[in-house]
């Protein structure tokens, strides 16, 4: 890594840390907190206009869609089905 790339990385890291600090302060002032649990399913791009719905715990693909909104809807449906299954 040359000197200019190293400087760029340092600036990017500092900006990222500053953004995270600002977000934490904002959430603290508003009175809300960051989510305590991560989502059970994540939507991940898997090519050109193609999205996988992945189980966060195992990393296994649970479904796929060609439209991002449809993939998000599938993830929400799988998560709600999982919660209903746990409740009985």
C-alpha atoms as a PDB file:
ATOM      1  CA  UNK A   1       0.000   0.000   0.000  1.00  0.00           C
ATOM      2  CA  UNK A   2       1.514   3.323  -0.988  1.00  0.00           C
ATOM      3  CA  UNK A   3       1.465   6.476   1.114  1.00  0.00           C
ATOM      4  CA  UNK A   4      -1.592   8.076  -0.519  1.00  0.00           C
ATOM      5  CA  UNK A   5      -3.643   4.888  -0.137  1.00  0.00           C
ATOM      6  CA  UNK A   6      -2.617   4.662   3.521  1.00  0.00           C
ATOM      7  CA  UNK A   7      -3.649   8.285   4.099  1.00  0.00           C
ATOM      8  CA  UNK A   8      -6.985   7.651   2.367  1.00  0.00           C
ATOM      9  CA  UNK A   9      -7.649   4.632   4.613  1.00  0.00           C
ATOM     10  CA  UNK A  10      -6.827   6.644   7.737  1.00  0.00           C
ATOM     11  CA  UNK A  11      -9.203   9.437   6.708  1.00  0.00           C
ATOM     12  CA  UNK A  12     -11.954   6.943   5.841  1.00  0.00           C
ATOM     13  CA  UNK A  13     -11.529   5.211   9.210  1.00  0.00           C
ATOM     14  CA  UNK A  14     -11.676   8.530  11.081  1.00  0.00           C
ATOM     15  CA  UNK A  15     -14.828   9.582   9.203  1.00  0.00           C
ATOM     16  CA  UNK A  16     -16.440   6.222   9.937  1.00  0.00           C
ATOM     17  CA  UNK A  17     -15.642   6.508  13.653  1.00  0.00           C
ATOM     18  CA  UNK A  18     -16.978  10.060  13.735  1.00  0.00           C
ATOM     19  CA  UNK A  19     -20.223   8.989  12.029  1.00  0.00           C
ATOM     20  CA  UNK A  20     -20.670   6.132  14.504  1.00  0.00           C
ATOM     21  CA  UNK A  21     -20.107   8.476  17.441  1.00  0.00           C
ATOM     22  CA  UNK A  22     -22.611  10.990  16.059  1.00  0.00           C
ATOM     23  CA  UNK A  23     -25.192   8.244  15.564  1.00  0.00           C
ATOM     24  CA  UNK A  24     -24.674   6.955  19.103  1.00  0.00           C
ATOM     25  CA  UNK A  25     -25.073  10.457  20.507  1.00  0.00           C
ATOM     26  CA  UNK A  26     -28.199  11.021  18.432  1.00  0.00           C
ATOM     27  CA  UNK A  27     -29.784   7.764  19.569  1.00  0.00           C
ATOM     28  CA  UNK A  28     -28.940   8.607  23.173  1.00  0.00           C
ATOM     29  CA  UNK A  29     -30.485  12.070  22.921  1.00  0.00           C
ATOM     30  CA  UNK A  30     -33.673  10.791  21.320  1.00  0.00           C
ATOM     31  CA  UNK A  31     -34.091   8.159  24.014  1.00  0.00           C
ATOM     32  CA  UNK A  32     -34.041   5.098  21.794  1.00  0.00           C
ATOM     33  CA  UNK A  33     -31.358   2.491  21.642  1.00  0.00           C
ATOM     34  CA  UNK A  34     -29.799   0.333  18.992  1.00  0.00           C
ATOM     35  CA  UNK A  35     -31.572  -2.983  18.320  1.00  0.00           C
ATOM     36  CA  UNK A  36     -30.623  -5.668  20.811  1.00  0.00           C
ATOM     37  CA  UNK A  37     -31.050  -8.544  18.398  1.00  0.00           C
ATOM     38  CA  UNK A  38     -29.927  -8.819  14.826  1.00  0.00           C
ATOM     39  CA  UNK A  39     -32.411  -9.839  12.124  1.00  0.00           C
ATOM     40  CA  UNK A  40     -32.859 -13.567  11.601  1.00  0.00           C
ATOM     41  CA  UNK A  41     -32.661 -13.226   7.811  1.00  0.00           C
ATOM     42  CA  UNK A  42     -30.598 -10.879   5.661  1.00  0.00           C
ATOM     43  CA  UNK A  43     -31.047  -9.851   2.032  1.00  0.00           C
ATOM     44  CA  UNK A  44     -27.744 -10.010   0.164  1.00  0.00           C
ATOM     45  CA  UNK A  45     -27.088  -9.052  -3.479  1.00  0.00           C
ATOM     46  CA  UNK A  46     -26.063 -12.154  -5.420  1.00  0.00           C
ATOM     47  CA  UNK A  47     -25.468 -10.822  -8.906  1.00  0.00           C
ATOM     48  CA  UNK A  48     -27.111  -8.505 -11.354  1.00  0.00           C
ATOM     49  CA  UNK A  49     -30.682  -7.883 -10.109  1.00  0.00           C
ATOM     50  CA  UNK A  50     -30.639 -11.047  -7.994  1.00  0.00           C
ATOM     51  CA  UNK A  51     -30.919 -11.274  -4.193  1.00  0.00           C
ATOM     52  CA  UNK A  52     -30.467 -14.120  -1.708  1.00  0.00           C
ATOM     53  CA  UNK A  53     -32.312 -14.319   1.609  1.00  0.00           C
ATOM     54  CA  UNK A  54     -29.742 -15.759   4.020  1.00  0.00           C
ATOM     55  CA  UNK A  55     -30.217 -17.166   7.511  1.00  0.00           C
ATOM     56  CA  UNK A  56     -28.014 -14.973   9.740  1.00  0.00           C
ATOM     57  CA  UNK A  57     -27.186 -17.780  12.169  1.00  0.00           C
ATOM     58  CA  UNK A  58     -26.140 -20.450   9.661  1.00  0.00           C
ATOM     59  CA  UNK A  59     -25.296 -18.478   6.512  1.00  0.00           C
ATOM     60  CA  UNK A  60     -27.505 -20.787   4.447  1.00  0.00           C
ATOM     61  CA  UNK A  61     -29.595 -19.392   1.610  1.00  0.00           C
ATOM     62  CA  UNK A  62     -33.292 -19.759   2.460  1.00  0.00           C
ATOM     63  CA  UNK A  63     -34.677 -18.191  -0.708  1.00  0.00           C
ATOM     64  CA  UNK A  64     -33.990 -15.842  -3.570  1.00  0.00           C
ATOM     65  CA  UNK A  65     -35.780 -13.196  -5.599  1.00  0.00           C
ATOM     66  CA  UNK A  66     -35.013 -11.040  -8.627  1.00  0.00           C
ATOM     67  CA  UNK A  67     -36.478  -7.926  -6.964  1.00  0.00           C
ATOM     68  CA  UNK A  68     -35.033  -6.381  -3.792  1.00  0.00           C
ATOM     69  CA  UNK A  69     -38.448  -5.446  -2.381  1.00  0.00           C
ATOM     70  CA  UNK A  70     -39.717  -8.986  -2.914  1.00  0.00           C
ATOM     71  CA  UNK A  71     -36.604 -10.396  -1.235  1.00  0.00           C
ATOM     72  CA  UNK A  72     -37.173  -8.121   1.775  1.00  0.00           C
ATOM     73  CA  UNK A  73     -40.814  -9.217   1.912  1.00  0.00           C
ATOM     74  CA  UNK A  74     -39.697 -12.857   1.864  1.00  0.00           C
ATOM     75  CA  UNK A  75     -37.240 -12.198   4.707  1.00  0.00           C
ATOM     76  CA  UNK A  76     -39.975 -10.532   6.771  1.00  0.00           C
ATOM     77  CA  UNK A  77     -42.376 -13.411   6.057  1.00  0.00           C
ATOM     78  CA  UNK A  78     -39.765 -16.026   7.040  1.00  0.00           C
ATOM     79  CA  UNK A  79     -38.967 -14.125  10.228  1.00  0.00           C
ATOM     80  CA  UNK A  80     -42.628 -13.758  11.220  1.00  0.00           C
ATOM     81  CA  UNK A  81     -43.199 -17.465  10.456  1.00  0.00           C
ATOM     82  CA  UNK A  82     -40.209 -18.317  12.668  1.00  0.00           C
ATOM     83  CA  UNK A  83     -41.561 -16.187  15.548  1.00  0.00           C
ATOM     84  CA  UNK A  84     -45.055 -17.701  15.225  1.00  0.00           C
ATOM     85  CA  UNK A  85     -43.534 -21.190  15.191  1.00  0.00           C
ATOM     86  CA  UNK A  86     -41.671 -20.449  18.432  1.00  0.00           C
ATOM     87  CA  UNK A  87     -44.827 -19.166  20.131  1.00  0.00           C
ATOM     88  CA  UNK A  88     -46.659 -22.359  19.371  1.00  0.00           C
END
